[in-house]
PDB file of all heavy atoms in Angstrom:
ATOM      1  N   CYS A   1    -117.226  33.658 123.497  1.00  0.00           N
ATOM      2  CA  CYS A   1    -116.185  32.669 123.186  1.00  0.00           C
ATOM      3  C   CYS A   1    -114.834  33.128 123.715  1.00  0.00           C
ATOM      4  O   CYS A   1    -113.848  33.210 122.978  1.00  0.00           O
ATOM      5  CB  CYS A   1    -116.127  32.410 121.682  1.00  0.00           C
ATOM      6  SG  CYS A   1    -117.603  31.629 121.003  1.00  0.00           S
ATOM      7  N   SER A   2    -114.794  33.413 124.997  1.00  0.00           N
ATOM      8  CA  SER A   2    -113.657  34.118 125.589  1.00  0.00           C
ATOM      9  C   SER A   2    -112.485  33.232 125.950  1.00  0.00           C
ATOM     10  O   SER A   2    -111.511  33.697 126.553  1.00  0.00           O
ATOM     11  CB  SER A   2    -114.121  34.873 126.841  1.00  0.00           C
ATOM     12  OG  SER A   2    -115.221  35.706 126.540  1.00  0.00           O
ATOM     13  N   GLY A   3    -112.555  31.941 125.651  1.00  0.00           N
ATOM     14  CA  GLY A   3    -111.435  31.062 125.950  1.00  0.00           C
ATOM     15  C   GLY A   3    -111.517  30.418 127.313  1.00  0.00           C
ATOM     16  O   GLY A   3    -110.619  29.654 127.691  1.00  0.00           O
ATOM     17  N   PHE A   4    -112.549  30.690 128.088  1.00  0.00           N
ATOM     18  CA  PHE A   4    -112.727  30.014 129.370  1.00  0.00           C
ATOM     19  C   PHE A   4    -114.125  29.396 129.404  1.00  0.00           C
ATOM     20  O   PHE A   4    -115.016  29.800 128.666  1.00  0.00           O
ATOM     21  CB  PHE A   4    -112.542  30.986 130.546  1.00  0.00           C
ATOM     22  CG  PHE A   4    -113.521  32.131 130.572  1.00  0.00           C
ATOM     23  CD1 PHE A   4    -114.754  32.010 131.221  1.00  0.00           C
ATOM     24  CD2 PHE A   4    -113.215  33.342 129.965  1.00  0.00           C
ATOM     25  CE1 PHE A   4    -115.664  33.061 131.243  1.00  0.00           C
ATOM     26  CE2 PHE A   4    -114.118  34.390 129.988  1.00  0.00           C
ATOM     27  CZ  PHE A   4    -115.339  34.256 130.630  1.00  0.00           C
ATOM     28  N   ASP A   5    -114.290  28.423 130.285  1.00  0.00           N
ATOM     29  CA  ASP A   5    -115.566  27.731 130.389  1.00  0.00           C
ATOM     30  C   ASP A   5    -116.589  28.665 131.046  1.00  0.00           C
ATOM     31  O   ASP A   5    -116.301  29.261 132.090  1.00  0.00           O
ATOM     32  CB  ASP A   5    -115.401  26.459 131.218  1.00  0.00           C
ATOM     33  CG  ASP A   5    -116.593  25.529 131.087  1.00  0.00           C
ATOM     34  OD1 ASP A   5    -117.705  25.905 131.512  1.00  0.00           O
ATOM     35  OD2 ASP A   5    -116.409  24.421 130.570  1.00  0.00           O
ATOM     36  N   PRO A   6    -117.785  28.816 130.437  1.00  0.00           N
ATOM     37  CA  PRO A   6    -118.761  29.749 131.012  1.00  0.00           C
ATOM     38  C   PRO A   6    -119.452  29.226 132.260  1.00  0.00           C
ATOM     39  O   PRO A   6    -120.229  29.959 132.887  1.00  0.00           O
ATOM     40  CB  PRO A   6    -119.773  29.923 129.871  1.00  0.00           C
ATOM     41  CG  PRO A   6    -119.673  28.678 129.066  1.00  0.00           C
ATOM     42  CD  PRO A   6    -118.243  28.253 129.155  1.00  0.00           C
ATOM     43  N   GLY A   7    -119.208  27.972 132.670  1.00  0.00           N
ATOM     44  CA  GLY A   7    -119.753  27.474 133.922  1.00  0.00           C
ATOM     45  C   GLY A   7    -121.232  27.139 133.871  1.00  0.00           C
ATOM     46  O   GLY A   7    -121.975  27.421 134.812  1.00  0.00           O
ATOM     47  N   ILE A   8    -121.680  26.512 132.793  1.00  0.00           N
ATOM     48  CA  ILE A   8    -123.078  26.096 132.678  1.00  0.00           C
ATOM     49  C   ILE A   8    -123.289  24.870 133.559  1.00  0.00           C
ATOM     50  O   ILE A   8    -122.582  23.870 133.412  1.00  0.00           O
ATOM     51  CB  ILE A   8    -123.419  25.789 131.213  1.00  0.00           C
ATOM     52  CG1 ILE A   8    -123.219  27.043 130.355  1.00  0.00           C
ATOM     53  CG2 ILE A   8    -124.840  25.267 131.080  1.00  0.00           C
ATOM     54  CD1 ILE A   8    -123.176  26.767 128.879  1.00  0.00           C
ATOM     55  N   PRO A   9    -124.233  24.918 134.501  1.00  0.00           N
ATOM     56  CA  PRO A   9    -124.419  23.792 135.428  1.00  0.00           C
ATOM     57  C   PRO A   9    -124.657  22.465 134.691  1.00  0.00           C
ATOM     58  O   PRO A   9    -125.508  22.374 133.808  1.00  0.00           O
ATOM     59  CB  PRO A   9    -125.657  24.201 136.243  1.00  0.00           C
ATOM     60  CG  PRO A   9    -125.665  25.696 136.186  1.00  0.00           C
ATOM     61  CD  PRO A   9    -125.141  26.040 134.816  1.00  0.00           C
ATOM     62  N   GLY A  10    -123.874  21.442 135.067  1.00  0.00           N
ATOM     63  CA  GLY A  10    -124.027  20.117 134.499  1.00  0.00           C
ATOM     64  C   GLY A  10    -123.282  19.879 133.208  1.00  0.00           C
ATOM     65  O   GLY A  10    -123.273  18.750 132.699  1.00  0.00           O
ATOM     66  N   TRP A  11    -122.634  20.919 132.660  1.00  0.00           N
ATOM     67  CA  TRP A  11    -121.966  20.809 131.369  1.00  0.00           C
ATOM     68  C   TRP A  11    -120.578  21.429 131.437  1.00  0.00           C
ATOM     69  O   TRP A  11    -120.309  22.302 132.265  1.00  0.00           O
ATOM     70  CB  TRP A  11    -122.768  21.542 130.278  1.00  0.00           C
ATOM     71  CG  TRP A  11    -124.156  21.038 130.056  1.00  0.00           C
ATOM     72  CD1 TRP A  11    -125.290  21.420 130.729  1.00  0.00           C
ATOM     73  CD2 TRP A  11    -124.560  20.069 129.098  1.00  0.00           C
ATOM     74  NE1 TRP A  11    -126.378  20.754 130.245  1.00  0.00           N
ATOM     75  CE2 TRP A  11    -125.969  19.915 129.240  1.00  0.00           C
ATOM     76  CE3 TRP A  11    -123.896  19.313 128.132  1.00  0.00           C
ATOM     77  CZ2 TRP A  11    -126.703  19.031 128.441  1.00  0.00           C
ATOM     78  CZ3 TRP A  11    -124.634  18.441 127.342  1.00  0.00           C
ATOM     79  CH2 TRP A  11    -126.017  18.304 127.500  1.00  0.00           C
ATOM     80  N   HIS A  12    -119.707  20.994 130.531  1.00  0.00           N
ATOM     81  CA  HIS A  12    -118.445  21.697 130.325  1.00  0.00           C
ATOM     82  C   HIS A  12    -118.272  21.974 128.829  1.00  0.00           C
ATOM     83  O   HIS A  12    -118.836  21.284 127.979  1.00  0.00           O
ATOM     84  CB  HIS A  12    -117.251  20.922 130.884  1.00  0.00           C
ATOM     85  CG  HIS A  12    -117.042  19.573 130.290  1.00  0.00           C
ATOM     86  ND1 HIS A  12    -117.671  18.427 130.766  1.00  0.00           N
ATOM     87  CD2 HIS A  12    -116.279  19.152 129.241  1.00  0.00           C
ATOM     88  CE1 HIS A  12    -117.300  17.386 130.058  1.00  0.00           C
ATOM     89  NE2 HIS A  12    -116.449  17.796 129.110  1.00  0.00           N
ATOM     90  N   LEU A  13    -117.505  22.988 128.519  1.00  0.00           N
ATOM     91  CA  LEU A  13    -117.379  23.494 127.148  1.00  0.00           C
ATOM     92  C   LEU A  13    -116.352  22.692 126.360  1.00  0.00           C
ATOM     93  O   LEU A  13    -115.227  22.466 126.808  1.00  0.00           O
ATOM     94  CB  LEU A  13    -116.963  24.964 127.180  1.00  0.00           C
ATOM     95  CG  LEU A  13    -116.904  25.696 125.833  1.00  0.00           C
ATOM     96  CD1 LEU A  13    -118.302  25.836 125.253  1.00  0.00           C
ATOM     97  CD2 LEU A  13    -116.247  27.064 125.997  1.00  0.00           C
ATOM     98  N   GLU A  14    -116.749  22.262 125.141  1.00  0.00           N
ATOM     99  CA  GLU A  14    -115.837  21.613 124.205  1.00  0.00           C
ATOM    100  C   GLU A  14    -115.364  22.565 123.120  1.00  0.00           C
ATOM    101  O   GLU A  14    -114.222  22.528 122.699  1.00  0.00           O
ATOM    102  CB  GLU A  14    -116.537  20.423 123.536  1.00  0.00           C
ATOM    103  CG  GLU A  14    -116.666  19.196 124.389  1.00  0.00           C
ATOM    104  CD  GLU A  14    -115.439  18.300 124.306  1.00  0.00           C
ATOM    105  OE1 GLU A  14    -115.044  17.910 123.195  1.00  0.00           O
ATOM    106  OE2 GLU A  14    -114.869  18.001 125.375  1.00  0.00           O
ATOM    107  N   ASP A  15    -116.273  23.410 122.625  1.00  0.00           N
ATOM    108  CA  ASP A  15    -115.935  24.324 121.529  1.00  0.00           C
ATOM    109  C   ASP A  15    -116.922  25.484 121.555  1.00  0.00           C
ATOM    110  O   ASP A  15    -118.053  25.342 122.029  1.00  0.00           O
ATOM    111  CB  ASP A  15    -116.005  23.603 120.181  1.00  0.00           C
ATOM    112  CG  ASP A  15    -115.513  24.462 119.020  1.00  0.00           C
ATOM    113  OD1 ASP A  15    -114.584  25.268 119.239  1.00  0.00           O
ATOM    114  OD2 ASP A  15    -116.060  24.348 117.914  1.00  0.00           O
ATOM    115  N   CYS A  16    -116.468  26.613 121.045  1.00  0.00           N
ATOM    116  CA  CYS A  16    -117.325  27.795 120.956  1.00  0.00           C
ATOM    117  C   CYS A  16    -117.035  28.511 119.642  1.00  0.00           C
ATOM    118  O   CYS A  16    -115.872  28.733 119.293  1.00  0.00           O
ATOM    119  CB  CYS A  16    -117.064  28.729 122.137  1.00  0.00           C
ATOM    120  SG  CYS A  16    -118.126  30.212 122.148  1.00  0.00           S
ATOM    121  N   GLN A  17    -118.096  28.849 118.902  1.00  0.00           N
ATOM    122  CA  GLN A  17    -117.968  29.569 117.636  1.00  0.00           C
ATOM    123  C   GLN A  17    -118.884  30.795 117.686  1.00  0.00           C
ATOM    124  O   GLN A  17    -120.002  30.720 118.204  1.00  0.00           O
ATOM    125  CB  GLN A  17    -118.385  28.682 116.465  1.00  0.00           C
ATOM    126  CG  GLN A  17    -117.604  27.400 116.326  1.00  0.00           C
ATOM    127  CD  GLN A  17    -116.186  27.621 115.844  1.00  0.00           C
ATOM    128  OE1 GLN A  17    -115.918  28.566 115.100  1.00  0.00           O
ATOM    129  NE2 GLN A  17    -115.272  26.769 116.275  1.00  0.00           N
ATOM    130  N   ILE A  18    -118.421  31.920 117.136  1.00  0.00           N
ATOM    131  CA  ILE A  18    -119.209  33.148 117.153  1.00  0.00           C
ATOM    132  C   ILE A  18    -119.014  33.884 115.836  1.00  0.00           C
ATOM    133  O   ILE A  18    -117.929  33.833 115.238  1.00  0.00           O
ATOM    134  CB  ILE A  18    -118.812  34.046 118.358  1.00  0.00           C
ATOM    135  CG1 ILE A  18    -119.773  35.225 118.514  1.00  0.00           C
ATOM    136  CG2 ILE A  18    -117.368  34.505 118.249  1.00  0.00           C
ATOM    137  CD1 ILE A  18    -119.575  35.982 119.813  1.00  0.00           C
ATOM    138  N   MET A  19    -120.069  34.564 115.372  1.00  0.00           N
ATOM    139  CA  MET A  19    -119.988  35.288 114.105  1.00  0.00           C
ATOM    140  C   MET A  19    -121.062  36.365 114.070  1.00  0.00           C
ATOM    141  O   MET A  19    -122.175  36.156 114.570  1.00  0.00           O
ATOM    142  CB  MET A  19    -120.171  34.328 112.931  1.00  0.00           C
ATOM    143  CG  MET A  19    -119.912  34.933 111.575  1.00  0.00           C
ATOM    144  SD  MET A  19    -119.916  33.667 110.265  1.00  0.00           S
ATOM    145  CE  MET A  19    -119.604  34.702 108.826  1.00  0.00           C
ATOM    146  N   PRO A  20    -120.761  37.540 113.484  1.00  0.00           N
ATOM    147  CA  PRO A  20    -121.801  38.545 113.302  1.00  0.00           C
ATOM    148  C   PRO A  20    -122.931  38.005 112.445  1.00  0.00           C
ATOM    149  O   PRO A  20    -122.726  37.211 111.540  1.00  0.00           O
ATOM    150  CB  PRO A  20    -121.063  39.691 112.585  1.00  0.00           C
ATOM    151  CG  PRO A  20    -119.632  39.484 112.891  1.00  0.00           C
ATOM    152  CD  PRO A  20    -119.457  37.995 112.994  1.00  0.00           C
ATOM    153  N   SER A  21    -124.165  38.421 112.752  1.00  0.00           N
ATOM    154  CA  SER A  21    -125.313  37.916 112.028  1.00  0.00           C
ATOM    155  C   SER A  21    -126.510  38.782 112.381  1.00  0.00           C
ATOM    156  O   SER A  21    -126.404  39.744 113.140  1.00  0.00           O
ATOM    157  CB  SER A  21    -125.580  36.455 112.409  1.00  0.00           C
ATOM    158  OG  SER A  21    -126.685  35.941 111.703  1.00  0.00           O
ATOM    159  N   TYR A  22    -127.667  38.438 111.811  1.00  0.00           N
ATOM    160  CA  TYR A  22    -128.893  39.070 112.264  1.00  0.00           C
ATOM    161  C   TYR A  22    -129.085  38.777 113.738  1.00  0.00           C
ATOM    162  O   TYR A  22    -128.491  37.858 114.287  1.00  0.00           O
ATOM    163  CB  TYR A  22    -130.089  38.548 111.466  1.00  0.00           C
ATOM    164  CG  TYR A  22    -129.972  38.794 109.983  1.00  0.00           C
ATOM    165  CD1 TYR A  22    -129.949  37.734 109.088  1.00  0.00           C
ATOM    166  CD2 TYR A  22    -129.863  40.090 109.475  1.00  0.00           C
ATOM    167  CE1 TYR A  22    -129.831  37.954 107.727  1.00  0.00           C
ATOM    168  CE2 TYR A  22    -129.729  40.317 108.122  1.00  0.00           C
ATOM    169  CZ  TYR A  22    -129.716  39.249 107.246  1.00  0.00           C
ATOM    170  OH  TYR A  22    -129.588  39.467 105.907  1.00  0.00           O
ATOM    171  N   SER A  23    -129.937  39.537 114.397  1.00  0.00           N
ATOM    172  CA  SER A  23    -130.148  39.414 115.846  1.00  0.00           C
ATOM    173  C   SER A  23    -128.853  39.691 116.597  1.00  0.00           C
ATOM    174  O   SER A  23    -128.590  39.131 117.664  1.00  0.00           O
ATOM    175  CB  SER A  23    -130.689  38.033 116.231  1.00  0.00           C
ATOM    176  OG  SER A  23    -131.868  37.732 115.534  1.00  0.00           O
ATOM    177  N   ASP A  24    -127.995  40.571 116.043  1.00  0.00           N
ATOM    178  CA  ASP A  24    -126.754  41.017 116.694  1.00  0.00           C
ATOM    179  C   ASP A  24    -125.748  39.906 116.920  1.00  0.00           C
ATOM    180  O   ASP A  24    -124.999  39.912 117.888  1.00  0.00           O
ATOM    181  CB  ASP A  24    -127.059  41.720 118.029  1.00  0.00           C
ATOM    182  CG  ASP A  24    -127.893  42.965 117.848  1.00  0.00           C
ATOM    183  OD1 ASP A  24    -127.657  43.691 116.863  1.00  0.00           O
ATOM    184  OD2 ASP A  24    -128.795  43.194 118.670  1.00  0.00           O
ATOM    185  N   GLY A  25    -125.738  38.938 116.033  1.00  0.00           N
ATOM    186  CA  GLY A  25    -124.722  37.902 116.099  1.00  0.00           C
ATOM    187  C   GLY A  25    -125.269  36.577 116.578  1.00  0.00           C
ATOM    188  O   GLY A  25    -126.352  36.487 117.161  1.00  0.00           O
ATOM    189  N   VAL A  26    -124.487  35.524 116.310  1.00  0.00           N
ATOM    190  CA  VAL A  26    -124.863  34.172 116.746  1.00  0.00           C
ATOM    191  C   VAL A  26    -123.648  33.532 117.400  1.00  0.00           C
ATOM    192  O   VAL A  26    -122.504  33.751 116.985  1.00  0.00           O
ATOM    193  CB  VAL A  26    -125.376  33.324 115.564  1.00  0.00           C
ATOM    194  CG1 VAL A  26    -124.309  33.192 114.473  1.00  0.00           C
ATOM    195  CG2 VAL A  26    -125.838  31.950 116.029  1.00  0.00           C
ATOM    196  N   GLN A  27    -123.889  32.756 118.436  1.00  0.00           N
ATOM    197  CA  GLN A  27    -122.834  32.065 119.168  1.00  0.00           C
ATOM    198  C   GLN A  27    -123.295  30.625 119.400  1.00  0.00           C
ATOM    199  O   GLN A  27    -124.441  30.392 119.796  1.00  0.00           O
ATOM    200  CB  GLN A  27    -122.580  32.761 120.509  1.00  0.00           C
ATOM    201  CG  GLN A  27    -121.422  32.214 121.282  1.00  0.00           C
ATOM    202  CD  GLN A  27    -121.056  33.087 122.488  1.00  0.00           C
ATOM    203  OE1 GLN A  27    -119.986  32.897 123.057  1.00  0.00           O
ATOM    204  NE2 GLN A  27    -121.889  34.032 122.868  1.00  0.00           N
ATOM    205  N   VAL A  28    -122.416  29.671 119.115  1.00  0.00           N
ATOM    206  CA  VAL A  28    -122.773  28.257 119.243  1.00  0.00           C
ATOM    207  C   VAL A  28    -121.765  27.573 120.168  1.00  0.00           C
ATOM    208  O   VAL A  28    -120.558  27.658 119.965  1.00  0.00           O
ATOM    209  CB  VAL A  28    -122.801  27.549 117.873  1.00  0.00           C
ATOM    210  CG1 VAL A  28    -123.277  26.111 118.036  1.00  0.00           C
ATOM    211  CG2 VAL A  28    -123.708  28.297 116.898  1.00  0.00           C
ATOM    212  N   LEU A  29    -122.296  26.890 121.172  1.00  0.00           N
ATOM    213  CA  LEU A  29    -121.486  26.170 122.136  1.00  0.00           C
ATOM    214  C   LEU A  29    -121.633  24.662 121.899  1.00  0.00           C
ATOM    215  O   LEU A  29    -122.756  24.152 121.806  1.00  0.00           O
ATOM    216  CB  LEU A  29    -121.940  26.469 123.566  1.00  0.00           C
ATOM    217  CG  LEU A  29    -122.132  27.941 123.957  1.00  0.00           C
ATOM    218  CD1 LEU A  29    -122.641  28.026 125.388  1.00  0.00           C
ATOM    219  CD2 LEU A  29    -120.840  28.723 123.795  1.00  0.00           C
ATOM    220  N   VAL A  30    -120.511  23.958 121.779  1.00  0.00           N
ATOM    221  CA  VAL A  30    -120.515  22.499 121.812  1.00  0.00           C
ATOM    222  C   VAL A  30    -120.139  22.097 123.235  1.00  0.00           C
ATOM    223  O   VAL A  30    -119.066  22.451 123.732  1.00  0.00           O
ATOM    224  CB  VAL A  30    -119.528  21.899 120.798  1.00  0.00           C
ATOM    225  CG1 VAL A  30    -119.518  20.376 120.898  1.00  0.00           C
ATOM    226  CG2 VAL A  30    -119.890  22.340 119.383  1.00  0.00           C
ATOM    227  N   LEU A  31    -121.046  21.356 123.893  1.00  0.00           N
ATOM    228  CA  LEU A  31    -120.914  21.039 125.306  1.00  0.00           C
ATOM    229  C   LEU A  31    -120.833  19.531 125.510  1.00  0.00           C
ATOM    230  O   LEU A  31    -121.232  18.751 124.638  1.00  0.00           O
ATOM    231  CB  LEU A  31    -122.127  21.586 126.076  1.00  0.00           C
ATOM    232  CG  LEU A  31    -122.421  23.077 125.899  1.00  0.00           C
ATOM    233  CD1 LEU A  31    -123.819  23.409 126.432  1.00  0.00           C
ATOM    234  CD2 LEU A  31    -121.367  23.919 126.626  1.00  0.00           C
ATOM    235  N   ARG A  32    -120.335  19.103 126.677  1.00  0.00           N
ATOM    236  CA  ARG A  32    -120.385  17.699 127.110  1.00  0.00           C
ATOM    237  C   ARG A  32    -120.964  17.658 128.521  1.00  0.00           C
ATOM    238  O   ARG A  32    -120.612  18.483 129.383  1.00  0.00           O
ATOM    239  CB  ARG A  32    -118.990  17.066 127.121  1.00  0.00           C
ATOM    240  CG  ARG A  32    -118.274  17.057 125.780  1.00  0.00           C
ATOM    241  CD  ARG A  32    -118.897  16.159 124.748  1.00  0.00           C
ATOM    242  NE  ARG A  32    -118.861  14.750 125.051  1.00  0.00           N
ATOM    243  CZ  ARG A  32    -117.874  13.933 124.676  1.00  0.00           C
ATOM    244  NH1 ARG A  32    -116.817  14.406 124.012  1.00  0.00           N
ATOM    245  NH2 ARG A  32    -117.923  12.638 124.957  1.00  0.00           N
ATOM    246  N   ARG A  33    -121.834  16.696 128.749  1.00  0.00           N
ATOM    247  CA  ARG A  33    -122.388  16.519 130.093  1.00  0.00           C
ATOM    248  C   ARG A  33    -121.293  16.065 131.052  1.00  0.00           C
ATOM    249  O   ARG A  33    -120.436  15.249 130.703  1.00  0.00           O
ATOM    250  CB  ARG A  33    -123.519  15.496 130.081  1.00  0.00           C
ATOM    251  CG  ARG A  33    -124.823  16.034 129.511  1.00  0.00           C
ATOM    252  CD  ARG A  33    -125.886  14.948 129.528  1.00  0.00           C
ATOM    253  NE  ARG A  33    -126.158  14.493 130.888  1.00  0.00           N
ATOM    254  CZ  ARG A  33    -127.292  14.739 131.546  1.00  0.00           C
ATOM    255  NH1 ARG A  33    -128.254  15.456 130.972  1.00  0.00           N
ATOM    256  NH2 ARG A  33    -127.471  14.283 132.765  1.00  0.00           N
ATOM    257  N   ASN A  34    -121.349  16.590 132.273  1.00  0.00           N
ATOM    258  CA  ASN A  34    -120.347  16.213 133.270  1.00  0.00           C
ATOM    259  C   ASN A  34    -120.530  14.777 133.756  1.00  0.00           C
ATOM    260  O   ASN A  34    -119.551  14.124 134.145  1.00  0.00           O
ATOM    261  CB  ASN A  34    -120.409  17.158 134.474  1.00  0.00           C
ATOM    262  CG  ASN A  34    -119.979  18.575 134.113  1.00  0.00           C
ATOM    263  OD1 ASN A  34    -119.237  18.784 133.166  1.00  0.00           O
ATOM    264  ND2 ASN A  34    -120.454  19.549 134.885  1.00  0.00           N
ATOM    265  N   ASP A  35    -121.775  14.257 133.730  1.00  0.00           N
ATOM    266  CA  ASP A  35    -122.003  12.928 134.305  1.00  0.00           C
ATOM    267  C   ASP A  35    -121.685  11.792 133.339  1.00  0.00           C
ATOM    268  O   ASP A  35    -120.944  10.866 133.668  1.00  0.00           O
ATOM    269  CB  ASP A  35    -123.435  12.807 134.836  1.00  0.00           C
ATOM    270  CG  ASP A  35    -124.502  13.190 133.816  1.00  0.00           C
ATOM    271  OD1 ASP A  35    -124.136  13.505 132.655  1.00  0.00           O
ATOM    272  OD2 ASP A  35    -125.698  13.160 134.164  1.00  0.00           O
TER     273      ASP A  35
END
């Protein structure tokens, strides 16, 4: 959740949330399709 768009093909980033958890943490991306 570094404040820049991670560049996922076909998508752009709307929001990113991260928190420590089991499995060494969890990260959730809210995305929008480019098309």
